[in-house]
């Protein structure tokens, strides 16, 4: 098979949106209606979210490619993440396309990540096509949302051509699209397909020149190995051909195209030759990395290297040295930890890994808590044991002034929780930007908040709104340092001996605070087992058993009624810890601990800090 489509028969688009605005569901619908699936095929929802974590969390983490055919046109589609923490995925996906579908919820309107992903598309000089999705919602307000979108385009400095964007109203759930909101016939996605064909320009490329392709993404499978993915900018490439690899620093290497693929539906179809304008996957170059250029061996010419926003948050990853180290994980040494972290840099372009003075510790920087926690979760599922420190924001000196990253926060909350939330954000140095009624007894509040002020805020926010609130934020920029912020007002309950927690010991501890563990949990000295009601750490004995007497049966402890413990997720654990605490992560458990497990060592450390 030879992929010999001319560039006029190709449309390359990326789908961008805020989290949960229906982006991946829309891709599902386009695939179905284009005939990518057989009529009787059993296809799961959000088929593009193939990663286990993506399915569990309901978000897109990795940019992925697919393609549909409509009439005689091939439409290559890149599904991108909606969360700003994975902005690096969005930025490199945009190098493969000529236009973007900007998906916006017909009720929520533009949100923080909408602004983030649209700004990236406008900076890349791409022409957006606006899709107002979830138009079937009973509370839909599509015409108001359209006005908000126009305001956002002006705010982001869109040029005259970009401001002439076409608009389509869709329901990915029901499978229809219309150009006119008042249209009565809502039958299929055909109006959206037609709009893509008409308004998305063919790829900018040169079919005649020597071969050139920027590597925008990588995939890997156990059979073929590593795939380099990108749009062919110039010329063509054939299977078996020797090509040049131009690294970031301009140095040259060479390799052979072992296999060559193009996308068709959810599949990669092997082909003999691919021409300019097409998105291809090239196998055979195991040393290739994102942002490098593949080129003609006789006339190698480098394309501009992909640049992404700098990280704003860092954590220290270290070898697990707790008393339970090595009992649950397969990879526990510093060598294995180092190998895994540096391997992640091959595909995670927004990540930074630095070695420290200690061979057992590594400074890992990313775009946010979610960005780093996804990496940690993947590592624990792969069998790694490690410990991580409290996240620290990355400060910069701008014009001689210490500056810190600021997040734009949008909150949707019931009115009865508004005062408590605003008080909380005030303590976290938040600056109120806007308050507007959102209907149904809810209110929308916009804030500018230091990134470090949001550490630990989500769990408090869910408690304050009783789970009814929604919060989203994205990076706004750097501003002068806002001063000290204390984000945790309650101290820890710390186990003072190693053993197994029992119901009697936990019952005695309940009046001191909220517990994180159940009876039967193995604990060690210095392990955090709960949060204290007061602002000083308290050592407790959760392994304590009631003394037996001759008038008491040995099974009396079993009748103790305990409150349900607060079991922490990985993100909650990372948010909870302070500077003198760590999160221990293994394939089976997430534990909180003090850096110094022994109480006397903790006291000495605390005194030395006070003296200094």
Protein backbone atom coordinates (compact mmCIF):
# COMPACT_ATOMS: atom_id res chain seq x y z
CA UNK A 1 0.00 0.00 0.00
CA UNK A 2 1.21 3.49 -0.88
CA UNK A 3 -0.25 6.57 0.83
CA UNK A 4 -0.19 8.83 -2.22
CA UNK A 5 -2.89 11.31 -1.25
CA UNK A 6 -2.17 14.80 -2.49
CA UNK A 7 -2.17 17.51 0.16
CA UNK A 8 -5.49 18.88 -1.22
CA UNK A 9 -7.17 15.63 -0.13
CA UNK A 10 -5.91 15.92 3.48
CA UNK A 11 -7.13 17.94 6.46
CA UNK A 12 -5.12 17.87 9.71
CA UNK A 13 -6.92 19.12 12.82
CA UNK A 14 -6.42 19.02 16.58
CA UNK A 15 -9.33 18.95 18.99
CA UNK A 16 -8.76 21.24 21.98
CA UNK A 17 -10.99 22.00 24.96
CA UNK A 18 -11.28 22.45 28.69
CA UNK A 19 -11.57 19.27 30.78
CA UNK A 20 -14.95 17.52 30.44
CA UNK A 21 -16.35 19.66 27.62
CA UNK A 22 -16.93 16.53 25.51
CA UNK A 23 -13.83 16.50 23.34
CA UNK A 24 -13.11 12.75 23.40
CA UNK A 25 -16.82 11.89 23.14
CA UNK A 26 -17.00 14.04 20.00
CA UNK A 27 -14.09 12.10 18.49
CA UNK A 28 -16.00 8.87 19.25
CA UNK A 29 -19.01 10.25 17.39
CA UNK A 30 -16.97 11.32 14.35
CA UNK A 31 -15.37 7.87 14.18
CA UNK A 32 -18.76 6.15 14.33
CA UNK A 33 -20.44 8.30 11.72
CA UNK A 34 -17.50 8.13 9.34
CA UNK A 35 -17.77 4.34 9.26
CA UNK A 36 -14.56 3.69 11.19
CA UNK A 37 -16.42 1.01 13.20
CA UNK A 38 -18.46 -1.86 11.85
CA UNK A 39 -22.19 -1.62 12.57
CA UNK A 40 -22.10 -4.53 15.00
CA UNK A 41 -18.73 -3.70 16.56
CA UNK A 42 -18.67 -3.43 20.35
CA UNK A 43 -16.86 -0.17 21.10
CA UNK A 44 -16.32 1.29 24.56
CA UNK A 45 -17.09 4.92 25.31
CA UNK A 46 -14.20 7.41 25.03
CA UNK A 47 -12.37 4.93 22.84
CA UNK A 48 -9.43 7.35 22.40
CA UNK A 49 -8.72 7.28 26.15
CA UNK A 50 -6.85 3.99 25.95
CA UNK A 51 -4.62 4.55 29.00
CA UNK A 52 -5.90 2.95 32.25
CA UNK A 53 -5.47 6.18 34.19
CA UNK A 54 -7.37 8.13 31.52
CA UNK A 55 -10.35 5.79 31.84
CA UNK A 56 -10.29 5.82 35.64
CA UNK A 57 -10.09 9.60 35.91
CA UNK A 58 -12.20 10.50 32.89
CA UNK A 59 -9.55 12.82 31.45
CA UNK A 60 -7.24 12.77 28.45
CA UNK A 61 -3.57 12.69 29.47
CA UNK A 62 -1.76 11.81 26.23
CA UNK A 63 -2.29 13.30 22.77
CA UNK A 64 -3.38 10.61 20.31
CA UNK A 65 -3.87 10.33 16.56
CA UNK A 66 -6.75 8.94 14.55
CA UNK A 67 -8.18 9.55 11.07
CA UNK A 68 -11.58 9.49 9.38
CA UNK A 69 -12.58 9.59 5.73
CA UNK A 70 -15.42 11.81 4.56
CA UNK A 71 -16.29 11.64 0.89
CA UNK A 72 -12.87 11.75 -0.82
CA UNK A 73 -11.11 13.70 1.97
CA UNK A 74 -8.97 12.18 4.74
CA UNK A 75 -9.25 14.01 8.06
CA UNK A 76 -6.38 13.36 10.47
CA UNK A 77 -7.50 14.13 14.03
CA UNK A 78 -5.31 14.67 17.09
CA UNK A 79 -7.15 14.35 20.41
CA UNK A 80 -5.35 16.49 23.01
CA UNK A 81 -5.54 16.77 26.83
CA UNK A 82 -7.75 19.48 28.28
CA UNK A 83 -5.85 19.96 31.53
CA UNK A 84 -3.17 22.67 31.62
CA UNK A 85 -0.80 20.32 33.47
CA UNK A 86 -0.45 18.43 30.19
CA UNK A 87 0.05 21.53 28.08
CA UNK A 88 3.23 20.05 26.61
CA UNK A 89 1.07 17.42 24.89
CA UNK A 90 -1.07 20.19 23.37
CA UNK A 91 1.87 22.30 22.22
CA UNK A 92 3.55 19.52 20.28
CA UNK A 93 0.24 18.25 18.84
CA UNK A 94 -0.30 21.66 17.27
CA UNK A 95 2.86 21.26 15.16
CA UNK A 96 1.09 18.53 13.15
CA UNK A 97 -2.10 20.37 12.20
CA UNK A 98 -3.46 23.27 10.16
CA UNK A 99 -6.46 24.07 12.31
CA UNK A 100 -8.17 23.31 15.62
CA UNK A 101 -11.68 22.43 16.69
CA UNK A 102 -12.25 24.45 19.87
CA UNK A 103 -14.89 22.57 21.89
CA UNK A 104 -16.85 24.59 24.47
CA UNK A 105 -19.62 23.45 26.80
CA UNK A 106 -22.92 25.16 25.92
CA UNK A 107 -23.61 25.92 29.61
CA UNK A 108 -20.21 26.43 31.24
CA UNK A 109 -18.75 28.52 28.43
CA UNK A 110 -15.01 29.32 28.24
CA UNK A 111 -13.07 28.02 31.27
CA UNK A 112 -9.39 28.36 32.36
CA UNK A 113 -8.10 25.58 30.13
CA UNK A 114 -10.19 26.89 27.22
CA UNK A 115 -8.17 30.09 27.44
CA UNK A 116 -4.91 28.16 27.78
CA UNK A 117 -5.36 25.84 24.77
CA UNK A 118 -6.84 28.58 22.58
CA UNK A 119 -3.92 30.89 23.32
CA UNK A 120 -1.53 28.16 22.16
CA UNK A 121 -3.50 27.69 18.93
CA UNK A 122 -3.60 31.42 18.20
CA UNK A 123 0.13 31.77 18.88
CA UNK A 124 0.73 28.97 16.36
CA UNK A 125 -1.28 31.05 13.85
CA UNK A 126 -3.90 28.32 13.47
CA UNK A 127 -7.45 29.04 12.32
CA UNK A 128 -9.95 27.76 14.92
CA UNK A 129 -13.36 26.29 14.20
CA UNK A 130 -15.59 26.79 17.26
CA UNK A 131 -17.83 23.89 18.30
CA UNK A 132 -20.38 24.67 21.03
CA UNK A 133 -21.00 21.18 22.38
CA UNK A 134 -23.57 19.65 24.75
CA UNK A 135 -26.23 21.76 23.04
CA UNK A 136 -28.80 19.16 24.11
CA UNK A 137 -28.47 20.25 27.77
CA UNK A 138 -31.72 21.66 29.19
CA UNK A 139 -29.72 24.55 30.69
CA UNK A 140 -27.79 25.24 27.47
CA UNK A 141 -27.15 28.92 26.68
CA UNK A 142 -25.28 28.65 23.35
CA UNK A 143 -25.79 32.23 22.12
CA UNK A 144 -24.49 33.72 25.38
CA UNK A 145 -21.56 31.31 25.29
CA UNK A 146 -20.77 32.41 21.72
CA UNK A 147 -20.53 36.04 22.90
CA UNK A 148 -18.17 34.92 25.69
CA UNK A 149 -16.04 33.10 23.09
CA UNK A 150 -15.83 36.25 20.93
CA UNK A 151 -14.71 38.23 24.00
CA UNK A 152 -12.05 35.59 24.70
CA UNK A 153 -10.70 35.81 21.14
CA UNK A 154 -10.37 39.60 21.51
CA UNK A 155 -8.71 39.20 24.92
CA UNK A 156 -6.12 36.81 23.47
CA UNK A 157 -5.30 39.12 20.57
CA UNK A 158 -6.67 37.03 17.70
CA UNK A 159 -5.99 38.48 14.25
CA UNK A 160 -8.75 39.47 11.80
CA UNK A 161 -8.69 36.12 10.03
CA UNK A 162 -8.89 34.15 13.29
CA UNK A 163 -11.83 36.31 14.42
CA UNK A 164 -13.80 35.15 11.37
CA UNK A 165 -14.21 31.71 12.89
CA UNK A 166 -17.09 29.45 11.83
CA UNK A 167 -19.42 28.15 14.56
CA UNK A 168 -21.15 24.76 14.83
CA UNK A 169 -23.58 23.64 17.55
CA UNK A 170 -23.33 19.96 18.42
CA UNK A 171 -24.41 17.20 20.75
CA UNK A 172 -21.69 14.54 20.71
CA UNK A 173 -23.86 12.44 23.02
CA UNK A 174 -26.86 12.46 20.64
CA UNK A 175 -24.74 12.55 17.48
CA UNK A 176 -25.85 15.71 15.67
CA UNK A 177 -24.46 19.04 14.51
CA UNK A 178 -26.14 22.19 13.11
CA UNK A 179 -24.85 25.49 11.77
CA UNK A 180 -28.00 27.34 12.84
CA UNK A 181 -28.97 26.98 16.50
CA UNK A 182 -32.65 27.37 15.59
CA UNK A 183 -32.55 24.56 13.01
CA UNK A 184 -35.23 21.93 13.55
CA UNK A 185 -33.49 19.03 11.78
CA UNK A 186 -30.73 17.62 13.92
CA UNK A 187 -29.79 14.40 12.18
CA UNK A 188 -26.04 13.72 12.10
CA UNK A 189 -22.53 15.14 12.27
CA UNK A 190 -22.53 15.87 8.52
CA UNK A 191 -22.64 19.70 8.99
CA UNK A 192 -19.47 19.46 11.09
CA UNK A 193 -17.73 17.29 8.49
CA UNK A 194 -18.72 19.78 5.77
CA UNK A 195 -17.45 22.70 7.83
CA UNK A 196 -14.09 20.97 8.32
CA UNK A 197 -13.74 20.31 4.58
CA UNK A 198 -14.67 23.88 3.69
CA UNK A 199 -12.83 25.91 6.35
CA UNK A 200 -9.77 23.85 7.30
CA UNK A 201 -6.99 24.55 4.83
CA UNK A 202 -4.87 21.70 3.40
CA UNK A 203 -1.53 21.25 5.19
CA UNK A 204 1.26 23.72 4.46
CA UNK A 205 3.98 21.55 2.94
CA UNK A 206 6.24 21.11 -0.05
CA UNK A 207 5.72 17.78 -1.86
CA UNK A 208 8.76 18.34 -4.10
CA UNK A 209 11.63 19.10 -1.71
CA UNK A 210 13.89 16.68 0.20
CA UNK A 211 12.19 14.74 3.03
CA UNK A 212 11.61 16.59 6.31
CA UNK A 213 9.50 15.72 9.39
CA UNK A 214 9.42 17.13 12.93
CA UNK A 215 8.91 14.42 15.58
CA UNK A 216 5.88 15.60 17.57
CA UNK A 217 5.02 12.41 19.44
CA UNK A 218 6.30 8.94 20.27
CA UNK A 219 4.53 5.60 20.66
CA UNK A 220 5.92 2.22 21.59
CA UNK A 221 4.87 -1.39 21.31
CA UNK A 222 6.68 -4.59 22.23
CA UNK A 223 6.67 -5.90 18.64
CA UNK A 224 7.83 -2.96 16.51
CA UNK A 225 9.51 -0.81 19.16
CA UNK A 226 9.45 2.99 19.08
CA UNK A 227 7.40 4.99 16.56
CA UNK A 228 8.28 8.58 15.65
CA UNK A 229 5.08 10.48 14.78
CA UNK A 230 4.71 13.75 12.93
CA UNK A 231 3.46 15.50 9.81
CA UNK A 232 5.72 15.22 6.78
CA UNK A 233 6.63 18.82 6.04
CA UNK A 234 8.48 18.23 2.82
CA UNK A 235 9.09 15.52 0.24
CA UNK A 236 8.26 11.87 0.89
CA UNK A 237 9.71 8.86 2.70
CA UNK A 238 9.80 5.16 1.75
CA UNK A 239 10.03 1.98 3.77
CA UNK A 240 13.64 0.69 3.86
CA UNK A 241 15.09 4.14 3.14
CA UNK A 242 18.09 5.50 5.05
CA UNK A 243 17.24 8.87 6.64
CA UNK A 244 19.01 11.44 8.81
CA UNK A 245 18.16 12.14 12.45
CA UNK A 246 18.97 15.74 13.47
CA UNK A 247 19.15 16.06 17.24
CA UNK A 248 18.24 19.12 19.33
CA UNK A 249 21.85 20.33 19.33
CA UNK A 250 22.13 19.99 15.55
CA UNK A 251 24.26 16.81 15.60
CA UNK A 252 23.50 14.15 13.00
CA UNK A 253 22.79 10.44 13.14
CA UNK A 254 21.24 8.10 10.61
CA UNK A 255 18.83 5.21 10.61
CA UNK A 256 16.68 3.00 8.45
CA UNK A 257 12.91 3.24 8.07
CA UNK A 258 12.02 -0.29 9.17
CA UNK A 259 8.26 0.22 8.97
CA UNK A 260 6.03 3.06 7.84
CA UNK A 261 2.43 3.65 8.93
CA UNK A 262 -0.47 6.05 8.39
CA UNK A 263 -3.59 6.37 10.54
CA UNK A 264 -7.00 5.02 9.56
CA UNK A 265 -9.67 5.05 12.25
CA UNK A 266 -8.11 3.55 15.37
CA UNK A 267 -5.58 1.57 13.37
CA UNK A 268 -2.14 2.21 11.96
CA UNK A 269 -1.98 0.87 8.41
CA UNK A 270 1.43 -0.17 7.09
CA UNK A 271 2.42 1.48 3.84
CA UNK A 272 5.38 1.62 1.45
CA UNK A 273 5.59 5.40 0.96
CA UNK A 274 4.12 8.54 2.54
CA UNK A 275 4.07 12.00 0.98
CA UNK A 276 4.10 15.55 2.35
CA UNK A 277 1.02 16.67 4.27
CA UNK A 278 0.26 13.26 5.76
CA UNK A 279 0.73 12.36 9.43
CA UNK A 280 2.97 9.30 9.57
CA UNK A 281 4.43 6.93 12.15
CA UNK A 282 7.99 5.80 11.39
CA UNK A 283 9.55 2.79 13.13
CA UNK A 284 13.20 1.80 13.18
CA UNK A 285 14.93 4.71 14.93
CA UNK A 286 15.15 3.68 18.58
CA UNK A 287 17.20 6.72 19.66
CA UNK A 288 14.80 9.34 18.31
CA UNK A 289 13.26 11.89 20.72
CA UNK A 290 10.42 14.41 20.57
CA UNK A 291 11.34 17.70 18.94
CA UNK A 292 14.06 16.23 16.71
CA UNK A 293 13.97 16.34 12.90
CA UNK A 294 13.93 13.40 10.49
CA UNK A 295 15.32 14.43 7.12
CA UNK A 296 16.77 13.36 3.78
CA UNK A 297 20.19 11.81 4.33
CA UNK A 298 21.72 13.71 1.42
CA UNK A 299 20.25 17.11 2.31
CA UNK A 300 19.55 17.19 6.06
CA UNK A 301 17.90 20.40 7.18
CA UNK A 302 16.64 20.99 10.74
CA UNK A 303 13.12 22.21 11.53
CA UNK A 304 12.50 24.56 14.51
CA UNK A 305 12.70 22.64 17.79
CA UNK A 306 9.44 22.33 19.77
CA UNK A 307 9.43 24.68 22.76
CA UNK A 308 7.05 24.27 25.70
CA UNK A 309 6.27 26.34 28.79
CA UNK A 310 8.65 25.93 31.70
CA UNK A 311 7.66 23.88 34.79
CA UNK A 312 6.15 25.72 37.76
CA UNK A 313 6.29 23.05 40.47
CA UNK A 314 9.01 20.68 41.73
CA UNK A 315 9.22 17.69 44.09
CA UNK A 316 12.06 15.57 45.39
CA UNK A 317 11.81 11.90 44.39
CA UNK A 318 13.90 9.63 46.60
CA UNK A 319 14.62 6.00 47.34
CA UNK A 320 12.23 4.49 49.90
CA UNK A 321 14.09 4.13 53.21
CA UNK A 322 11.17 3.47 55.53
CA UNK A 323 11.11 0.39 57.83
CA UNK A 324 8.84 -1.30 55.26
CA UNK A 325 11.13 -0.57 52.29
CA UNK A 326 11.52 -3.37 49.75
CA UNK A 327 8.55 -5.41 50.96
CA UNK A 328 6.07 -4.51 48.23
CA UNK A 329 7.91 -3.18 45.18
CA UNK A 330 9.97 -4.74 42.42
CA UNK A 331 12.22 -1.72 41.71
CA UNK A 332 13.63 -0.19 44.89
CA UNK A 333 17.20 1.00 44.16
CA UNK A 334 18.45 4.48 43.23
CA UNK A 335 19.76 3.11 39.92
CA UNK A 336 16.31 1.88 38.90
CA UNK A 337 14.68 5.12 40.05
CA UNK A 338 17.17 7.18 38.06
CA UNK A 339 16.71 5.07 34.91
CA UNK A 340 12.92 5.39 35.08
CA UNK A 341 12.91 9.16 35.61
CA UNK A 342 15.33 9.89 32.79
CA UNK A 343 13.46 7.52 30.49
CA UNK A 344 10.30 9.58 31.11
CA UNK A 345 12.05 12.60 29.58
CA UNK A 346 11.97 10.88 26.16
CA UNK A 347 8.22 11.38 25.86
CA UNK A 348 7.27 13.86 28.60
CA UNK A 349 8.60 17.11 27.17
CA UNK A 350 7.22 19.31 29.99
CA UNK A 351 9.15 17.39 32.66
CA UNK A 352 12.58 18.24 34.07
CA UNK A 353 14.76 15.84 36.09
CA UNK A 354 17.89 17.02 37.92
CA UNK A 355 20.38 15.07 39.98
CA UNK A 356 21.11 16.37 43.50
CA UNK A 357 24.00 16.14 45.95
CA UNK A 358 22.55 12.82 47.13
CA UNK A 359 22.64 9.83 44.74
CA UNK A 360 19.31 8.68 46.23
CA UNK A 361 17.40 11.90 45.50
CA UNK A 362 16.26 13.60 42.29
CA UNK A 363 14.56 16.95 41.75
CA UNK A 364 11.62 16.47 39.39
CA UNK A 365 9.83 19.55 38.01
CA UNK A 366 6.53 19.66 36.15
CA UNK A 367 3.56 21.80 35.19
CA UNK A 368 1.49 21.07 38.30
CA UNK A 369 0.42 18.58 40.95
CA UNK A 370 -1.59 16.49 38.48
CA UNK A 371 1.30 16.31 36.03
CA UNK A 372 3.64 14.95 38.72
CA UNK A 373 1.06 12.70 40.41
CA UNK A 374 0.26 10.94 37.11
CA UNK A 375 3.97 10.12 36.75
CA UNK A 376 4.08 8.79 40.33
CA UNK A 377 0.93 6.71 39.83
CA UNK A 378 2.33 5.18 36.64
CA UNK A 379 5.57 4.32 38.44
CA UNK A 380 3.85 2.60 41.36
CA UNK A 381 1.76 0.54 38.92
CA UNK A 382 4.97 -0.50 37.18
CA UNK A 383 6.36 -1.86 40.48
CA UNK A 384 8.44 1.05 41.79
CA UNK A 385 8.84 2.03 45.43
CA UNK A 386 9.76 5.64 46.19
CA UNK A 387 9.21 8.58 48.49
CA UNK A 388 8.31 12.14 47.50
CA UNK A 389 8.49 15.47 49.28
CA UNK A 390 5.99 18.30 49.51
CA UNK A 391 5.59 20.15 46.16
CA UNK A 392 7.51 23.42 45.96
CA UNK A 393 6.76 26.21 43.49
CA UNK A 394 9.59 27.38 41.26
CA UNK A 395 10.37 31.04 41.93
CA UNK A 396 11.94 33.37 39.37
CA UNK A 397 13.74 36.69 39.63
CA UNK A 398 12.15 39.10 37.15
CA UNK A 399 13.62 42.62 36.89
CA UNK A 400 15.36 42.02 40.21
CA UNK A 401 12.11 41.08 41.99
CA UNK A 402 11.38 37.66 43.45
CA UNK A 403 8.32 36.37 41.54
CA UNK A 404 6.09 33.32 41.79
CA UNK A 405 3.62 31.47 39.50
CA UNK A 406 0.01 32.63 39.72
CA UNK A 407 -3.00 30.51 38.79
CA UNK A 408 -6.32 31.75 37.39
CA UNK A 409 -8.94 29.92 39.46
CA UNK A 410 -12.62 29.56 38.55
CA UNK A 411 -14.99 28.16 41.17
CA UNK A 412 -18.62 27.13 40.83
CA UNK A 413 -20.08 26.80 44.33
CA UNK A 414 -23.41 26.83 46.15
CA UNK A 415 -24.12 30.28 47.58
CA UNK A 416 -24.18 28.98 51.16
CA UNK A 417 -20.49 28.03 50.92
CA UNK A 418 -19.36 31.25 49.21
CA UNK A 419 -18.26 33.08 52.37
CA UNK A 420 -16.20 30.19 53.74
CA UNK A 421 -14.43 29.67 50.41
CA UNK A 422 -13.60 33.35 49.98
CA UNK A 423 -12.22 33.47 53.52
CA UNK A 424 -10.07 30.41 52.80
CA UNK A 425 -8.72 31.90 49.55
CA UNK A 426 -8.02 35.18 51.32
CA UNK A 427 -5.70 33.34 53.74
CA UNK A 428 -4.00 31.82 50.70
CA UNK A 429 -3.25 35.29 49.25
CA UNK A 430 -5.95 35.00 46.59
CA UNK A 431 -7.15 38.12 44.77
CA UNK A 432 -10.82 38.29 43.80
CA UNK A 433 -11.37 39.00 40.09
CA UNK A 434 -15.10 38.46 39.53
CA UNK A 435 -18.33 37.11 41.06
CA UNK A 436 -21.37 36.31 38.93
CA UNK A 437 -24.57 34.33 39.65
CA UNK A 438 -24.57 30.97 37.85
CA UNK A 439 -28.23 30.05 38.37
CA UNK A 440 -29.74 27.27 40.42
CA UNK A 441 -28.45 28.70 43.68
CA UNK A 442 -24.82 28.57 42.51
CA UNK A 443 -22.30 31.35 42.10
CA UNK A 444 -19.15 31.57 39.96
CA UNK A 445 -16.09 33.15 41.58
CA UNK A 446 -12.87 34.00 39.72
CA UNK A 447 -9.60 34.41 41.63
CA UNK A 448 -5.91 34.95 40.99
CA UNK A 449 -4.09 32.73 43.49
CA UNK A 450 -0.40 31.88 44.01
CA UNK A 451 0.25 28.31 42.87
CA UNK A 452 1.54 27.40 46.34
CA UNK A 453 -1.73 28.70 47.81
CA UNK A 454 -3.66 26.03 45.90
CA UNK A 455 -1.62 23.17 47.38
CA UNK A 456 -4.07 21.36 49.64
CA UNK A 457 -7.00 23.61 48.67
CA UNK A 458 -8.97 21.07 46.61
CA UNK A 459 -9.73 18.73 49.53
CA UNK A 460 -10.77 21.66 51.74
CA UNK A 461 -12.92 23.03 48.91
CA UNK A 462 -14.76 19.72 48.47
CA UNK A 463 -15.38 19.59 52.23
CA UNK A 464 -16.62 23.19 52.37
CA UNK A 465 -19.03 22.64 49.44
CA UNK A 466 -19.97 19.10 50.59
CA UNK A 467 -18.83 17.76 47.24
CA UNK A 468 -21.13 20.08 45.27
CA UNK A 469 -18.48 22.55 44.08
CA UNK A 470 -16.42 22.56 40.89
CA UNK A 471 -12.98 24.18 40.61
CA UNK A 472 -10.64 24.63 37.66
CA UNK A 473 -7.45 26.59 37.26
CA UNK A 474 -4.67 27.27 34.77
CA UNK A 475 -1.33 29.04 34.78
CA UNK A 476 -1.79 32.82 34.53
CA UNK A 477 1.79 34.12 34.76
CA UNK A 478 4.45 35.25 37.22
CA UNK A 479 3.83 38.05 39.73
CA UNK A 480 5.85 39.47 42.65
CA UNK A 481 6.08 37.18 45.69
CA UNK A 482 2.94 37.43 47.85
CA UNK A 483 4.43 36.59 51.25
CA UNK A 484 4.20 33.61 53.59
CA UNK A 485 1.21 31.26 53.24
CA UNK A 486 0.23 28.67 55.82
CA UNK A 487 -1.92 26.10 54.01
CA UNK A 488 -2.33 23.57 56.82
CA UNK A 489 -3.76 24.58 60.18
CA UNK A 490 -3.91 21.16 61.80
CA UNK A 491 -0.92 19.00 62.68
CA UNK A 492 -0.39 15.25 62.37
CA UNK A 493 -1.17 12.23 64.53
CA UNK A 494 2.04 10.19 64.50
CA UNK A 495 2.47 6.52 65.42
CA UNK A 496 5.03 6.17 68.22
CA UNK A 497 5.81 2.46 67.81
CA UNK A 498 5.99 -0.18 65.08
CA UNK A 499 3.26 -2.81 65.01
CA UNK A 500 -0.29 -3.45 63.80
CA UNK A 501 -3.09 -0.96 64.47
CA UNK A 502 -5.92 -2.39 66.57
CA UNK A 503 -9.48 -1.20 67.14
CA UNK A 504 -8.93 -0.28 70.81
CA UNK A 505 -5.88 1.87 70.07
CA UNK A 506 -7.65 3.61 67.19
CA UNK A 507 -10.74 4.17 69.34
CA UNK A 508 -8.60 5.93 71.96
CA UNK A 509 -7.05 8.11 69.22
CA UNK A 510 -10.33 9.13 67.56
CA UNK A 511 -11.03 11.93 70.03
CA UNK A 512 -7.68 13.50 69.07
CA UNK A 513 -8.52 13.97 65.39
CA UNK A 514 -9.36 12.22 62.11
CA UNK A 515 -7.70 8.87 61.34
CA UNK A 516 -6.23 7.75 58.00
CA UNK A 517 -5.96 4.02 58.74
CA UNK A 518 -8.14 1.00 59.60
CA UNK A 519 -7.62 -1.79 62.18
CA UNK A 520 -5.10 -4.30 60.89
CA UNK A 521 -2.94 -1.70 59.15
CA UNK A 522 0.80 -2.17 59.66
CA UNK A 523 2.42 0.98 61.06
CA UNK A 524 5.90 2.06 62.04
CA UNK A 525 7.33 4.68 64.38
CA UNK A 526 7.09 8.11 62.76
CA UNK A 527 4.29 7.10 60.33
CA UNK A 528 1.44 9.62 60.09
CA UNK A 529 -1.84 7.88 60.93
CA UNK A 530 -4.21 10.88 61.06
CA UNK A 531 -4.66 14.62 61.37
CA UNK A 532 -4.73 16.23 64.81
CA UNK A 533 -7.49 18.59 65.91
CA UNK A 534 -4.78 20.96 67.15
CA UNK A 535 -1.81 22.65 65.52
CA UNK A 536 0.94 20.53 67.13
CA UNK A 537 2.01 17.03 66.17
CA UNK A 538 0.89 14.36 68.63
CA UNK A 539 2.41 10.90 69.10
CA UNK A 540 -0.22 8.22 69.69
CA UNK A 541 -0.19 4.47 70.22
CA UNK A 542 -2.57 2.93 67.69
CA UNK A 543 -1.21 -0.56 68.49
CA UNK A 544 -2.34 -0.35 72.13
CA UNK A 545 -4.53 -3.20 73.36
CA UNK A 546 -6.79 -3.07 76.41
CA UNK A 547 -5.35 -4.86 79.39
CA UNK A 548 -7.03 -8.23 80.03
CA UNK A 549 -8.74 -8.93 83.36
CA UNK A 550 -10.33 -12.01 84.83
CA UNK A 551 -13.80 -10.53 84.29
CA UNK A 552 -13.34 -9.52 80.64
CA UNK A 553 -13.46 -11.71 77.55
CA UNK A 554 -10.48 -11.52 75.21
CA UNK A 555 -12.70 -10.61 72.25
CA UNK A 556 -14.20 -7.46 73.76
CA UNK A 557 -12.09 -5.21 71.53
CA UNK A 558 -14.07 -6.46 68.53
CA UNK A 559 -17.20 -4.64 69.74
CA UNK A 560 -15.57 -1.18 69.55
CA UNK A 561 -17.40 1.08 67.06
CA UNK A 562 -14.99 3.17 64.98
CA UNK A 563 -15.72 6.11 62.69
CA UNK A 564 -14.98 5.59 59.02
CA UNK A 565 -11.34 6.68 58.43
CA UNK A 566 -10.37 9.25 55.83
CA UNK A 567 -8.45 7.18 53.26
CA UNK A 568 -6.15 9.43 51.26
CA UNK A 569 -5.67 9.21 47.51
CA UNK A 570 -2.23 9.92 46.06
CA UNK A 571 -3.14 13.54 45.24
CA UNK A 572 -4.68 14.07 48.69
CA UNK A 573 -1.57 12.67 50.37
CA UNK A 574 0.73 14.94 48.35
CA UNK A 575 -1.46 17.94 49.18
CA UNK A 576 -1.53 17.10 52.90
CA UNK A 577 2.16 16.83 53.76
CA UNK A 578 4.32 19.65 55.14
CA UNK A 579 8.04 20.35 54.64
CA UNK A 580 9.07 17.89 57.37
CA UNK A 581 6.97 15.04 55.94
CA UNK A 582 7.09 12.59 53.02
CA UNK A 583 4.71 10.38 51.07
CA UNK A 584 5.86 6.76 50.80
CA UNK A 585 4.54 5.16 47.60
CA UNK A 586 4.57 1.43 46.82
CA UNK A 587 2.55 -0.72 44.39
CA UNK A 588 0.23 -1.67 47.26
CA UNK A 589 0.16 1.27 49.68
CA UNK A 590 0.37 5.02 50.05
CA UNK A 591 1.72 6.02 53.47
CA UNK A 592 2.52 9.36 55.09
CA UNK A 593 5.55 9.69 57.34
CA UNK A 594 7.80 12.17 59.08
CA UNK A 595 11.22 12.74 57.50
CA UNK A 596 12.74 11.92 60.88
CA UNK A 597 10.98 8.84 62.23
CA UNK A 598 12.39 9.07 65.76
CA UNK A 599 10.75 11.68 68.01
CA UNK A 600 14.03 12.84 69.58
CA UNK A 601 15.50 13.41 66.10
CA UNK A 602 12.42 15.43 65.14
CA UNK A 603 12.74 17.54 68.29
CA UNK A 604 16.44 18.23 67.60
CA UNK A 605 15.65 19.22 64.01
CA UNK A 606 12.85 21.52 65.15
CA UNK A 607 15.12 23.21 67.74
CA UNK A 608 17.94 23.74 65.23
CA UNK A 609 15.51 25.42 62.81
CA UNK A 610 14.26 27.74 65.53
CA UNK A 611 17.84 28.69 66.47
CA UNK A 612 18.70 29.43 62.83
